Amino acid sequence: MSSKNQDRNIALLKRDLAAGRINRREFLRYAVLVGMAAPAAYAFVGEPLGTGIIGSAAAAMPGGGTLRLGTQVKSLKDPATYSWGGYDANVTRQVCEYLTLTDENNVTHPYLLEKWEASSDLKTWTLSVRKNVKWHNGQDFTADDVLWNLKRLADPAVGSSFIGLIKDFLLKPVPDGTDKNGKPKTKLVWWDASAIEKIDSHTIRLNGRVPQVAIPEYLFHYPALMLYPGDKGVFGTGSQGTGAFTMTEYQIGKIAAVRAVKGYWGGDPHLDGMRFIDLGDNPATAISAMASHQVDGLVVTDPAQYPALKAMPFLKLYTVGSAQTGVLRFHVDQKPWSDPRVRMAMRLGLDNASFIAAAVRGLGTLGQDCHVAPVLPDYGKVPDIVRNIAKAKKLLAEAGYPNGFDTELATPADNAWIVAESQAAIEQWKEIGARVKLNIMPGAEYWNVWTKVPFGCTIWYHRPLGVMLLNLAYRTGVPWNETGYSNPEFDRLLNQAGGILEAKKRAAVMQKLQEILQQDGPMAQPMFAEAFTFMDKKVQGFVMHPSNYIFGNKLAMTA
């Protein structure tokens, strides 16, 4: 962005802050986004710069030791297709890194990028690659590596959820024959031959079809790890990376281990290594592992584990507001979910506030059946959905189910609070005549079919923006659209919201998107779960990230 355009956008943000239309944190997020240096942005609002993004070398941190974390060790083969940021990406991010980093305060910073610049219309983004970064084999990290990774992430054949974020920005649909039923098909191609271009050895330019304000956040989407092109998209032990560690051991469902490397561009890490130990689906196993000091902390903690862990005096609780949620979602291509009256009846059949106690033991906030949490900076104010049994029954009768209907809800066993949410919902739905059988599936089994089951309860982790969540989950035809939902007006409004910098105008569009989901959407979403975990007090430098991300280069262990 030119100095003139940058000054204009920052002046707009300063006016919004002065008028109370955005708070200080929102100012920080958007000012850094449009090119204001982070120290200047923090100084303007009178806040300290924060924990830092590269490491903790300036702090007096002890060296040595191996951090042991209880987790689930998923398949790590292809990071572009990861679907578990708290599990799969938390291992790989110790070895490979991202172009940007969204911190615990929801502010996004350059990381493998030195900076970015946006055009005044937010269609063109120039990415300047950091020049002192090397792969573990000593080769320079350059624009060629970025170009290879971004093109691969955008390739429909790879199947990355990243496509949901840049589908209309960098891609376009073109005719591709017909399907088996004779209906026209389309495929995605670059909207223009210069959609992504290399400017020089350390500069990439994205030339978008529509405005998009969230490109820096999208570059931190957890499948967007920068992989070494020579590894051909496959990650495993010994894979090249730019990070502070290299992976030395890996067995799916058992363990992943990383060892510190010397000469890391961000400063050598304090830890000698990290071990990610699979503790399975049973919450009691993790409690026992913590009590017996088999692990030093948990990557993800369930509310069911909270009382026992809170009682252990050697542990410290870390918590942060989050937009993570359990979505009771319906596949709209299948009956009865193809009828919006049935979907609305299911939402009206729930008392959303009751789930905060029933599912997450008070460690949560109210949901509004729109998947966008008030904690997010682009939330648009919408009314709560109030339980109405009579109206729900009337809608079911109009849809052809005067005596209710029978169905089955598939739920993964690997998050106890998701099971508790499903059980509570099933009890409440009985009152509207929806007779729901619960099918609790092993996590590994559920996640193989999560986009295919007609009726399921899926956990969605925190993202820094509501528009990012909606692009990933509900835009027509994207890989993580697990419901088959398609609404051209919704897609149009998504594009519009993504191109607005001014807070009041953006919130107005987000409000319309959220209202569409409340009235027509493919899910019921009763509450949001707080993000929290416990670490042994000897773990130093840990900060709770709302997406449960672990940054090993910032951690240390006392003896």
Protein backbone atom coordinates (compact mmCIF):
# COMPACT_ATOMS: atom_id res chain seq x y z
CA MET A 1 0.00 0.00 0.00
CA SER A 2 1.37 3.40 -0.87
CA SER A 3 2.10 5.76 2.00
CA LYS A 4 -0.88 7.91 0.94
CA ASN A 5 -3.29 4.95 0.88
CA GLN A 6 -1.92 3.55 4.12
CA ASP A 7 -2.28 6.91 5.87
CA ARG A 8 -5.86 7.19 4.63
CA ASN A 9 -6.85 3.76 5.96
CA ILE A 10 -5.10 4.30 9.29
CA ALA A 11 -6.79 7.69 9.64
CA LEU A 12 -10.13 5.93 9.13
CA LEU A 13 -9.27 3.45 11.89
CA LYS A 14 -8.23 6.25 14.23
CA ARG A 15 -11.59 7.95 13.66
CA ASP A 16 -13.42 4.67 14.37
CA LEU A 17 -11.44 4.25 17.59
CA ALA A 18 -12.11 7.83 18.72
CA ALA A 19 -15.83 7.43 17.99
CA GLY A 20 -16.05 4.18 19.93
CA ARG A 21 -16.97 2.11 16.87
CA ILE A 22 -13.98 -0.16 17.50
CA ASN A 23 -12.05 -0.93 20.68
CA ARG A 24 -8.29 -0.76 21.18
CA ARG A 25 -7.74 -4.40 20.30
CA GLU A 26 -9.71 -4.04 17.08
CA PHE A 27 -7.67 -0.95 16.21
CA LEU A 28 -4.44 -2.91 16.76
CA ARG A 29 -5.63 -5.75 14.58
CA TYR A 30 -6.71 -3.66 11.60
CA ALA A 31 -3.95 -1.04 11.84
CA VAL A 32 -1.26 -3.74 11.67
CA LEU A 33 -3.26 -5.43 8.92
CA VAL A 34 -3.15 -2.40 6.61
CA GLY A 35 0.53 -1.79 7.15
CA MET A 36 1.05 0.23 10.36
CA ALA A 37 4.13 -1.03 12.22
CA ALA A 38 3.18 -3.02 15.33
CA PRO A 39 5.26 -0.88 17.75
CA ALA A 40 3.60 2.28 16.42
CA ALA A 41 0.12 0.74 16.65
CA TYR A 42 0.65 -0.42 20.24
CA ALA A 43 2.13 2.93 21.21
CA PHE A 44 -0.86 4.77 19.74
CA VAL A 45 -3.30 2.92 22.02
CA GLY A 46 -0.94 3.04 24.99
CA GLU A 47 -0.39 -0.70 25.36
CA PRO A 48 2.84 -2.72 25.65
CA LEU A 49 3.93 -4.55 22.53
CA GLY A 50 3.05 -7.93 24.04
CA THR A 51 4.72 -11.33 24.26
CA GLY A 52 6.55 -11.11 20.96
CA ILE A 53 6.26 -13.40 17.96
CA ILE A 54 9.71 -14.79 17.27
CA GLY A 55 10.92 -16.09 20.60
CA SER A 56 11.79 -15.21 24.15
CA ALA A 57 15.54 -14.71 23.84
CA ALA A 58 15.39 -11.36 25.62
CA ALA A 59 13.79 -12.88 28.69
CA ALA A 60 15.74 -14.78 31.36
CA MET A 61 14.60 -18.25 30.36
CA PRO A 62 16.27 -21.51 31.44
CA GLY A 63 17.76 -23.73 28.77
CA GLY A 64 17.47 -27.46 28.21
CA GLY A 65 14.85 -30.06 28.97
CA THR A 66 12.20 -31.88 26.97
CA LEU A 67 8.57 -30.77 27.17
CA ARG A 68 6.06 -33.66 27.20
CA LEU A 69 2.54 -32.80 26.03
CA GLY A 70 -0.55 -34.97 26.18
CA THR A 71 -2.46 -34.83 22.91
CA GLN A 72 -3.75 -36.95 20.04
CA VAL A 73 -1.20 -37.84 17.39
CA LYS A 74 -2.98 -37.66 14.04
CA SER A 75 -1.81 -38.34 10.50
CA LEU A 76 0.84 -35.76 9.58
CA LYS A 77 1.48 -36.82 5.98
CA ASP A 78 0.10 -33.81 4.09
CA PRO A 79 -0.16 -30.54 6.04
CA ALA A 80 -2.21 -28.91 3.27
CA THR A 81 -5.10 -31.23 4.15
CA TYR A 82 -4.87 -31.00 7.95
CA SER A 83 -8.16 -30.64 9.79
CA TRP A 84 -6.93 -30.60 13.40
CA GLY A 85 -5.01 -27.42 14.16
CA GLY A 86 -4.66 -28.30 17.83
CA TYR A 87 -3.30 -31.75 17.05
CA ASP A 88 -1.71 -32.34 13.63
CA ALA A 89 -0.57 -28.76 12.99
CA ASN A 90 0.77 -28.35 16.52
CA VAL A 91 3.43 -30.95 15.77
CA THR A 92 4.29 -29.74 12.29
CA ARG A 93 4.39 -26.03 13.23
CA GLN A 94 7.48 -26.77 15.35
CA VAL A 95 9.31 -27.76 12.13
CA CYS A 96 7.62 -25.77 9.38
CA GLU A 97 6.27 -22.24 9.74
CA TYR A 98 3.72 -19.76 8.42
CA LEU A 99 4.05 -16.55 6.47
CA THR A 100 2.13 -14.74 9.23
CA LEU A 101 1.20 -15.34 12.86
CA THR A 102 -2.02 -14.44 14.66
CA ASP A 103 -1.18 -14.08 18.34
CA GLU A 104 -3.20 -14.74 21.48
CA ASN A 105 -4.70 -11.23 21.22
CA ASN A 106 -6.07 -11.91 17.71
CA VAL A 107 -3.51 -9.52 16.17
CA THR A 108 -1.75 -10.80 13.04
CA HIS A 109 1.97 -10.13 12.48
CA PRO A 110 4.46 -10.87 9.70
CA TYR A 111 6.44 -14.06 10.40
CA LEU A 112 8.21 -15.65 7.45
CA LEU A 113 7.15 -12.45 5.78
CA GLU A 114 9.01 -9.28 6.68
CA LYS A 115 5.97 -7.15 5.80
CA TRP A 116 2.97 -6.90 3.51
CA GLU A 117 1.42 -4.05 1.58
CA ALA A 118 -2.18 -3.80 0.36
CA SER A 119 -3.61 -1.63 -2.38
CA SER A 120 -6.23 0.91 -1.37
CA ASP A 121 -8.99 -1.28 -2.89
CA LEU A 122 -7.68 -4.35 -0.98
CA LYS A 123 -7.41 -6.38 -4.19
CA THR A 124 -3.61 -6.44 -4.48
CA TRP A 125 -1.35 -7.71 -1.71
CA THR A 126 2.43 -7.52 -1.98
CA LEU A 127 4.23 -9.99 0.30
CA SER A 128 7.86 -9.32 1.21
CA VAL A 129 9.65 -12.51 2.25
CA ARG A 130 12.01 -12.31 5.22
CA LYS A 131 15.62 -12.49 3.94
CA ASN A 132 17.48 -14.13 6.80
CA VAL A 133 15.51 -17.39 6.81
CA LYS A 134 17.04 -20.72 5.81
CA TRP A 135 15.80 -24.26 5.49
CA HIS A 136 17.44 -26.76 7.82
CA ASN A 137 19.67 -27.89 4.95
CA GLY A 138 21.11 -24.38 4.63
CA GLN A 139 19.21 -23.30 1.52
CA ASP A 140 17.63 -19.84 1.51
CA PHE A 141 13.87 -19.54 1.95
CA THR A 142 12.75 -17.45 -1.03
CA ALA A 143 9.77 -16.28 -3.05
CA ASP A 144 10.03 -19.46 -5.14
CA ASP A 145 9.20 -21.51 -2.04
CA VAL A 146 6.23 -19.29 -1.23
CA LEU A 147 4.98 -19.46 -4.82
CA TRP A 148 5.19 -23.28 -4.84
CA ASN A 149 3.29 -23.57 -1.57
CA LEU A 150 0.53 -21.10 -2.42
CA LYS A 151 -0.08 -22.70 -5.80
CA ARG A 152 -0.30 -26.11 -4.19
CA LEU A 153 -2.70 -24.90 -1.48
CA ALA A 154 -4.94 -23.44 -4.18
CA ASP A 155 -4.93 -26.60 -6.31
CA PRO A 156 -8.37 -28.29 -6.05
CA ALA A 157 -6.71 -31.66 -6.65
CA VAL A 158 -4.83 -31.32 -3.34
CA GLY A 159 -8.08 -30.79 -1.44
CA SER A 160 -6.92 -28.15 1.03
CA SER A 161 -9.49 -26.20 3.03
CA PHE A 162 -7.39 -23.13 2.14
CA ILE A 163 -9.46 -22.95 -1.05
CA GLY A 164 -12.45 -21.88 1.02
CA LEU A 165 -10.60 -18.72 1.98
CA ILE A 166 -9.39 -17.65 -1.45
CA LYS A 167 -11.99 -19.20 -3.76
CA ASP A 168 -13.46 -15.94 -5.04
CA PHE A 169 -10.33 -13.87 -4.39
CA LEU A 170 -7.90 -15.80 -6.60
CA LEU A 171 -10.00 -18.44 -8.36
CA LYS A 172 -13.06 -18.65 -10.59
CA PRO A 173 -15.35 -21.49 -11.70
CA VAL A 174 -15.40 -22.55 -15.36
CA PRO A 175 -17.56 -25.18 -17.11
CA ASP A 176 -16.29 -28.75 -16.80
CA GLY A 177 -18.78 -30.96 -18.58
CA THR A 178 -21.64 -32.72 -16.81
CA ASP A 179 -22.03 -35.07 -13.87
CA LYS A 180 -23.56 -38.59 -13.98
CA ASN A 181 -27.03 -37.03 -13.82
CA GLY A 182 -26.37 -34.75 -16.78
CA LYS A 183 -26.11 -31.59 -14.69
CA PRO A 184 -23.43 -29.03 -15.59
CA LYS A 185 -20.19 -29.23 -13.58
CA THR A 186 -17.58 -26.58 -12.95
CA LYS A 187 -13.95 -26.62 -11.90
CA LEU A 188 -11.83 -23.94 -10.25
CA VAL A 189 -9.01 -22.21 -12.12
CA TRP A 190 -6.99 -19.05 -11.54
CA TRP A 191 -9.19 -16.07 -12.26
CA ASP A 192 -6.27 -14.48 -14.12
CA ALA A 193 -2.88 -15.74 -15.29
CA SER A 194 -1.20 -13.25 -12.95
CA ALA A 195 -3.33 -14.05 -9.88
CA ILE A 196 -0.10 -15.00 -8.08
CA GLU A 197 3.14 -13.62 -9.41
CA LYS A 198 6.77 -13.54 -8.37
CA ILE A 199 8.18 -10.00 -8.45
CA ASP A 200 11.73 -10.80 -7.38
CA SER A 201 13.63 -13.33 -5.25
CA HIS A 202 11.86 -12.21 -2.07
CA THR A 203 8.59 -10.67 -3.24
CA ILE A 204 5.24 -12.25 -4.17
CA ARG A 205 2.17 -10.37 -5.33
CA LEU A 206 -1.43 -11.56 -5.03
CA ASN A 207 -3.73 -9.94 -7.59
CA GLY A 208 -7.26 -10.60 -6.43
CA ARG A 209 -10.55 -10.60 -8.31
CA VAL A 210 -12.43 -9.03 -5.38
CA PRO A 211 -11.33 -7.00 -2.33
CA GLN A 212 -10.18 -9.01 0.69
CA VAL A 213 -9.14 -7.48 4.00
CA ALA A 214 -8.17 -10.73 5.74
CA ILE A 215 -5.31 -12.06 3.61
CA PRO A 216 -2.75 -11.93 6.49
CA GLU A 217 -5.11 -13.98 8.71
CA TYR A 218 -5.75 -16.44 5.92
CA LEU A 219 -2.01 -17.06 5.56
CA PHE A 220 -2.03 -18.33 9.15
CA HIS A 221 -4.78 -20.89 8.48
CA TYR A 222 -3.18 -23.99 9.93
CA PRO A 223 -2.92 -26.00 6.66
CA ALA A 224 -0.92 -23.08 5.15
CA LEU A 225 2.45 -24.25 6.50
CA MET A 226 5.41 -23.48 4.25
CA LEU A 227 6.76 -26.86 3.18
CA TYR A 228 10.10 -27.55 1.51
CA PRO A 229 9.28 -28.06 -2.20
CA GLY A 230 11.82 -30.88 -2.42
CA ASP A 231 9.70 -32.91 0.02
CA LYS A 232 6.87 -32.80 -2.55
CA GLY A 233 4.15 -32.01 -0.02
CA VAL A 234 4.86 -34.99 2.23
CA PHE A 235 5.79 -34.40 5.88
CA GLY A 236 7.55 -36.94 8.09
CA THR A 237 10.63 -37.59 10.18
CA GLY A 238 13.58 -35.66 8.81
CA SER A 239 11.46 -33.34 6.65
CA GLN A 240 12.99 -29.98 5.93
CA GLY A 241 11.60 -26.89 7.61
CA THR A 242 12.47 -23.35 8.64
CA GLY A 243 11.41 -23.85 12.26
CA ALA A 244 13.25 -24.27 15.54
CA PHE A 245 12.89 -28.08 15.59
CA THR A 246 13.15 -31.16 13.39
CA MET A 247 10.95 -34.23 13.77
CA THR A 248 12.89 -37.29 14.89
CA GLU A 249 10.17 -39.81 15.78
CA TYR A 250 6.59 -40.37 14.67
CA GLN A 251 4.01 -43.12 15.15
CA ILE A 252 0.40 -42.27 14.40
CA GLY A 253 -1.77 -42.73 17.47
CA LYS A 254 1.30 -42.98 19.72
CA ILE A 255 3.98 -40.29 19.64
CA ALA A 256 5.64 -37.48 17.71
CA ALA A 257 8.99 -36.12 18.89
CA VAL A 258 10.97 -33.08 17.77
CA ARG A 259 14.55 -32.02 18.54
CA ALA A 260 15.93 -28.47 18.58
CA VAL A 261 18.10 -27.37 15.66
CA LYS A 262 21.02 -24.99 15.88
CA GLY A 263 21.10 -21.74 13.98
CA TYR A 264 17.35 -21.15 13.90
CA TRP A 265 16.71 -17.77 12.28
CA GLY A 266 14.56 -16.60 15.20
CA GLY A 267 17.17 -17.52 17.84
CA ASP A 268 17.97 -20.96 19.20
CA PRO A 269 15.08 -22.42 21.25
CA HIS A 270 15.36 -22.90 25.00
CA LEU A 271 14.08 -26.49 24.93
CA ASP A 272 16.16 -29.45 23.81
CA GLY A 273 13.04 -31.05 22.42
CA MET A 274 9.32 -31.79 22.68
CA ARG A 275 7.34 -35.03 22.85
CA PHE A 276 3.68 -35.15 21.80
CA ILE A 277 2.17 -38.22 23.48
CA ASP A 278 -1.16 -39.67 22.36
CA LEU A 279 -3.52 -40.14 25.33
CA GLY A 280 -6.53 -41.33 23.36
CA ASP A 281 -10.18 -40.31 23.66
CA ASN A 282 -10.79 -41.09 27.34
CA PRO A 283 -10.60 -37.91 29.49
CA ALA A 284 -9.59 -39.97 32.53
CA THR A 285 -6.38 -41.09 30.82
CA ALA A 286 -5.15 -37.50 30.52
CA ILE A 287 -6.01 -36.78 34.17
CA SER A 288 -4.02 -39.84 35.25
CA ALA A 289 -1.07 -38.88 33.03
CA MET A 290 -0.96 -35.39 34.57
CA ALA A 291 -1.32 -36.68 38.13
CA SER A 292 1.55 -39.14 37.68
CA HIS A 293 3.79 -36.57 35.94
CA GLN A 294 3.91 -38.60 32.71
CA VAL A 295 3.21 -35.39 30.81
CA ASP A 296 3.90 -31.73 31.61
CA GLY A 297 0.74 -30.33 30.06
CA LEU A 298 -2.22 -30.92 27.77
CA VAL A 299 -2.65 -29.44 24.31
CA VAL A 300 -6.45 -29.57 24.59
CA THR A 301 -8.38 -29.85 27.87
CA ASP A 302 -12.02 -30.85 28.22
CA PRO A 303 -14.38 -29.25 30.78
CA ALA A 304 -14.93 -32.73 32.22
CA GLN A 305 -11.26 -32.75 33.26
CA TYR A 306 -11.34 -29.30 34.84
CA PRO A 307 -12.22 -30.19 38.50
CA ALA A 308 -9.59 -32.91 38.83
CA LEU A 309 -6.83 -30.87 37.18
CA LYS A 310 -7.71 -27.71 39.11
CA ALA A 311 -7.15 -29.65 42.34
CA MET A 312 -3.54 -30.55 41.46
CA PRO A 313 -1.33 -27.94 43.17
CA PHE A 314 1.60 -28.33 40.76
CA LEU A 315 -0.50 -27.28 37.75
CA LYS A 316 -1.29 -23.80 36.45
CA LEU A 317 -4.52 -22.94 34.63
CA TYR A 318 -4.37 -20.94 31.39
CA THR A 319 -7.53 -19.60 29.78
CA VAL A 320 -8.66 -17.26 27.00
CA GLY A 321 -11.93 -16.27 25.33
CA SER A 322 -12.58 -18.29 22.22
CA ALA A 323 -14.97 -18.88 19.34
CA GLN A 324 -14.64 -22.68 19.46
CA THR A 325 -17.99 -24.40 19.28
CA GLY A 326 -19.85 -27.63 18.65
CA VAL A 327 -22.09 -27.39 15.59
CA LEU A 328 -25.10 -29.70 15.41
CA ARG A 329 -25.16 -29.68 11.65
CA PHE A 330 -27.54 -31.06 9.04
CA HIS A 331 -26.61 -32.23 5.54
CA VAL A 332 -29.04 -30.16 3.48
CA ASP A 333 -28.86 -32.48 0.46
CA GLN A 334 -30.70 -35.18 2.43
CA LYS A 335 -34.19 -35.43 3.93
CA PRO A 336 -35.48 -34.18 6.29
CA TRP A 337 -32.68 -31.58 6.44
CA SER A 338 -33.34 -30.32 2.91
CA ASP A 339 -36.41 -28.54 4.30
CA PRO A 340 -35.48 -25.24 6.01
CA ARG A 341 -38.58 -25.54 8.19
CA VAL A 342 -37.17 -28.70 9.78
CA ARG A 343 -33.81 -27.02 10.35
CA MET A 344 -35.52 -24.03 11.97
CA ALA A 345 -37.63 -26.31 14.15
CA MET A 346 -34.48 -27.99 15.46
CA ARG A 347 -33.02 -24.60 16.42
CA LEU A 348 -36.27 -23.56 18.13
CA GLY A 349 -36.29 -26.83 20.03
CA LEU A 350 -33.17 -25.93 22.02
CA ASP A 351 -32.65 -23.74 25.07
CA ASN A 352 -29.21 -22.45 24.10
CA ALA A 353 -28.34 -20.95 27.49
CA SER A 354 -28.77 -24.32 29.21
CA PHE A 355 -25.87 -25.82 27.26
CA ILE A 356 -23.31 -23.63 29.01
CA ALA A 357 -23.88 -25.68 32.16
CA ALA A 358 -24.88 -28.98 30.54
CA ALA A 359 -22.01 -29.28 28.06
CA VAL A 360 -19.11 -27.13 29.30
CA ARG A 361 -19.79 -26.77 33.05
CA GLY A 362 -20.08 -22.99 32.91
CA LEU A 363 -16.89 -22.57 30.86
CA GLY A 364 -18.58 -21.00 27.87
CA THR A 365 -20.78 -18.28 26.42
CA LEU A 366 -24.15 -18.15 24.67
CA GLY A 367 -24.39 -19.12 21.01
CA GLN A 368 -26.88 -17.60 18.58
CA ASP A 369 -27.06 -20.28 15.89
CA CYS A 370 -24.86 -18.26 13.53
CA HIS A 371 -21.33 -19.58 14.29
CA VAL A 372 -19.92 -16.07 14.84
CA ALA A 373 -18.96 -15.30 18.43
CA PRO A 374 -19.24 -11.85 20.03
CA VAL A 375 -15.54 -12.20 20.93
CA LEU A 376 -14.63 -11.85 17.23
CA PRO A 377 -13.91 -8.36 15.86
CA ASP A 378 -16.29 -8.66 12.91
CA TYR A 379 -19.32 -9.93 14.87
CA GLY A 380 -22.61 -8.32 13.85
CA LYS A 381 -25.19 -7.92 16.60
CA VAL A 382 -28.12 -10.31 16.16
CA PRO A 383 -30.95 -11.36 18.52
CA ASP A 384 -30.86 -14.61 20.46
CA ILE A 385 -32.90 -17.57 19.21
CA VAL A 386 -35.44 -18.23 21.97
CA ARG A 387 -36.80 -21.73 22.52
CA ASN A 388 -40.35 -22.08 21.20
CA ILE A 389 -41.77 -25.63 21.37
CA ALA A 390 -45.15 -24.73 19.86
CA LYS A 391 -43.62 -22.98 16.86
CA ALA A 392 -41.16 -25.82 16.32
CA LYS A 393 -43.99 -28.38 16.26
CA LYS A 394 -45.97 -26.22 13.85
CA LEU A 395 -43.02 -25.99 11.46
CA LEU A 396 -42.53 -29.76 11.56
CA ALA A 397 -46.21 -30.30 10.83
CA GLU A 398 -46.03 -27.91 7.87
CA ALA A 399 -43.01 -29.82 6.59
CA GLY A 400 -44.97 -33.10 6.68
CA TYR A 401 -43.97 -34.39 10.12
CA PRO A 402 -47.02 -33.80 12.36
CA ASN A 403 -46.00 -36.75 14.54
CA GLY A 404 -42.32 -35.89 14.54
CA PHE A 405 -39.60 -38.02 12.95
CA ASP A 406 -36.75 -40.41 13.74
CA THR A 407 -33.11 -39.74 12.96
CA GLU A 408 -29.57 -40.48 14.12
CA LEU A 409 -26.89 -38.05 15.35
CA ALA A 410 -23.26 -39.06 14.80
CA THR A 411 -20.89 -37.66 17.43
CA PRO A 412 -17.12 -38.17 17.88
CA ALA A 413 -15.96 -39.55 21.22
CA ASP A 414 -12.71 -37.57 21.32
CA ASN A 415 -14.20 -34.45 22.97
CA ALA A 416 -16.31 -35.25 26.02
CA TRP A 417 -18.05 -31.89 25.93
CA ILE A 418 -19.20 -32.51 22.35
CA VAL A 419 -20.80 -35.77 23.53
CA ALA A 420 -22.40 -33.91 26.45
CA GLU A 421 -23.78 -31.27 24.07
CA SER A 422 -25.25 -33.96 21.83
CA GLN A 423 -26.86 -35.76 24.76
CA ALA A 424 -28.41 -32.54 26.10
CA ALA A 425 -29.76 -31.63 22.66
CA ILE A 426 -31.33 -35.04 22.17
CA GLU A 427 -33.23 -34.73 25.44
CA GLN A 428 -34.57 -31.29 24.50
CA TRP A 429 -35.55 -32.32 20.96
CA LYS A 430 -37.87 -35.00 22.38
CA GLU A 431 -40.30 -32.21 23.29
CA ILE A 432 -40.80 -31.19 19.64
CA GLY A 433 -41.19 -34.78 18.43
CA ALA A 434 -37.68 -35.26 17.06
CA ARG A 435 -36.62 -38.75 18.19
CA VAL A 436 -32.84 -38.76 17.87
CA LYS A 437 -30.63 -41.81 18.37
CA LEU A 438 -27.08 -41.01 19.45
CA ASN A 439 -24.25 -42.75 17.61
CA ILE A 440 -21.01 -42.07 19.52
CA MET A 441 -18.16 -42.92 17.17
CA PRO A 442 -14.43 -43.25 17.85
CA GLY A 443 -12.81 -39.97 16.87
CA ALA A 444 -10.69 -41.49 14.12
CA GLU A 445 -13.80 -43.09 12.59
CA TYR A 446 -15.93 -39.94 12.75
CA TRP A 447 -13.29 -37.72 11.18
CA ASN A 448 -13.07 -40.02 8.18
CA VAL A 449 -16.75 -39.32 7.40
CA TRP A 450 -17.42 -35.97 9.06
CA THR A 451 -18.39 -34.25 5.79
CA LYS A 452 -20.66 -37.14 4.78
CA VAL A 453 -22.83 -38.08 7.77
CA PRO A 454 -26.40 -36.77 7.38
CA PHE A 455 -26.54 -35.42 10.94
CA GLY A 456 -23.44 -34.85 13.05
CA CYS A 457 -21.94 -32.83 15.88
CA THR A 458 -18.65 -31.30 14.74
CA ILE A 459 -16.20 -29.26 16.78
CA TRP A 460 -15.01 -26.07 15.09
CA TYR A 461 -12.02 -24.37 16.67
CA HIS A 462 -11.44 -20.65 17.02
CA ARG A 463 -10.55 -18.52 14.02
CA PRO A 464 -9.57 -14.83 14.35
CA LEU A 465 -12.45 -13.62 12.14
CA GLY A 466 -16.07 -14.58 11.68
CA VAL A 467 -15.78 -14.10 7.93
CA MET A 468 -12.95 -16.66 7.95
CA LEU A 469 -15.15 -19.23 9.71
CA LEU A 470 -18.05 -18.63 7.35
CA ASN A 471 -15.81 -18.95 4.27
CA LEU A 472 -14.43 -22.26 5.52
CA ALA A 473 -17.73 -23.78 6.64
CA TYR A 474 -20.61 -22.42 4.54
CA ARG A 475 -19.36 -21.02 1.21
CA THR A 476 -20.71 -23.01 -1.72
CA GLY A 477 -18.60 -25.98 -2.75
CA VAL A 478 -15.55 -25.55 -0.49
CA PRO A 479 -13.81 -28.62 1.03
CA TRP A 480 -14.95 -28.05 4.63
CA ASN A 481 -18.58 -27.27 3.79
CA GLU A 482 -19.75 -30.37 5.64
CA THR A 483 -23.46 -29.61 5.17
CA GLY A 484 -23.64 -29.06 1.41
CA TYR A 485 -25.12 -25.64 2.14
CA SER A 486 -25.32 -23.34 -0.89
CA ASN A 487 -26.81 -19.85 -0.91
CA PRO A 488 -25.76 -17.40 -3.65
CA GLU A 489 -26.81 -14.38 -1.58
CA PHE A 490 -24.77 -15.67 1.35
CA ASP A 491 -21.70 -16.09 -0.90
CA ARG A 492 -22.19 -12.58 -2.30
CA LEU A 493 -22.35 -11.07 1.17
CA LEU A 494 -19.24 -13.02 2.18
CA ASN A 495 -17.32 -11.36 -0.63
CA GLN A 496 -18.71 -7.98 0.37
CA ALA A 497 -17.78 -8.39 4.05
CA GLY A 498 -14.28 -9.51 3.15
CA GLY A 499 -13.62 -6.27 1.27
CA ILE A 500 -14.71 -3.76 3.94
CA LEU A 501 -12.24 -2.11 6.30
CA GLU A 502 -14.62 0.30 8.02
CA ALA A 503 -15.94 -1.38 11.18
CA LYS A 504 -19.55 -0.14 11.13
CA LYS A 505 -20.12 -1.06 7.48
CA ARG A 506 -18.47 -4.46 7.89
CA ALA A 507 -20.55 -5.28 10.98
CA ALA A 508 -23.73 -4.44 9.07
CA VAL A 509 -22.88 -6.99 6.38
CA MET A 510 -21.84 -9.58 8.96
CA GLN A 511 -25.19 -9.07 10.66
CA LYS A 512 -26.96 -10.01 7.41
CA LEU A 513 -24.80 -13.13 7.05
CA GLN A 514 -25.52 -14.19 10.61
CA GLU A 515 -29.24 -13.60 10.17
CA ILE A 516 -29.24 -15.85 7.08
CA LEU A 517 -27.69 -18.64 9.15
CA GLN A 518 -30.18 -18.09 11.97
CA GLN A 519 -33.15 -18.38 9.62
CA ASP A 520 -31.95 -20.70 6.85
CA GLY A 521 -28.67 -22.17 8.07
CA PRO A 522 -27.72 -25.85 8.16
CA MET A 523 -27.08 -26.18 11.88
CA ALA A 524 -28.02 -25.49 15.47
CA GLN A 525 -25.20 -23.90 17.46
CA PRO A 526 -26.14 -23.33 21.09
CA MET A 527 -22.93 -22.11 22.74
CA PHE A 528 -19.21 -21.35 22.55
CA ALA A 529 -16.64 -23.14 24.70
CA GLU A 530 -13.86 -21.30 26.47
CA ALA A 531 -10.32 -22.33 25.50
CA PHE A 532 -8.23 -23.41 28.47
CA THR A 533 -5.57 -25.87 29.50
CA PHE A 534 -3.27 -26.82 32.36
CA MET A 535 0.52 -26.89 32.39
CA ASP A 536 2.98 -27.94 35.06
CA LYS A 537 4.28 -24.84 36.82
CA LYS A 538 7.80 -25.70 35.64
CA VAL A 539 6.71 -24.88 32.06
CA GLN A 540 7.82 -21.32 31.32
CA GLY A 541 6.71 -18.88 28.61
CA PHE A 542 3.38 -20.53 27.85
CA VAL A 543 0.47 -18.30 26.77
CA MET A 544 -2.98 -19.74 26.02
CA HIS A 545 -3.85 -19.29 22.37
CA PRO A 546 -7.58 -19.30 21.52
CA SER A 547 -6.92 -21.97 18.87
CA ASN A 548 -4.88 -24.18 21.27
CA TYR A 549 -1.69 -23.53 19.29
CA ILE A 550 1.69 -24.38 20.81
CA PHE A 551 4.82 -22.37 19.95
CA GLY A 552 7.75 -24.44 21.17
CA ASN A 553 10.37 -21.81 20.29
CA LYS A 554 8.92 -19.58 23.04
CA LEU A 555 8.84 -22.22 25.82
CA ALA A 556 11.28 -23.35 28.47
CA MET A 557 11.42 -25.76 31.43
CA THR A 558 12.72 -25.22 34.93
CA ALA A 559 14.48 -28.11 36.61
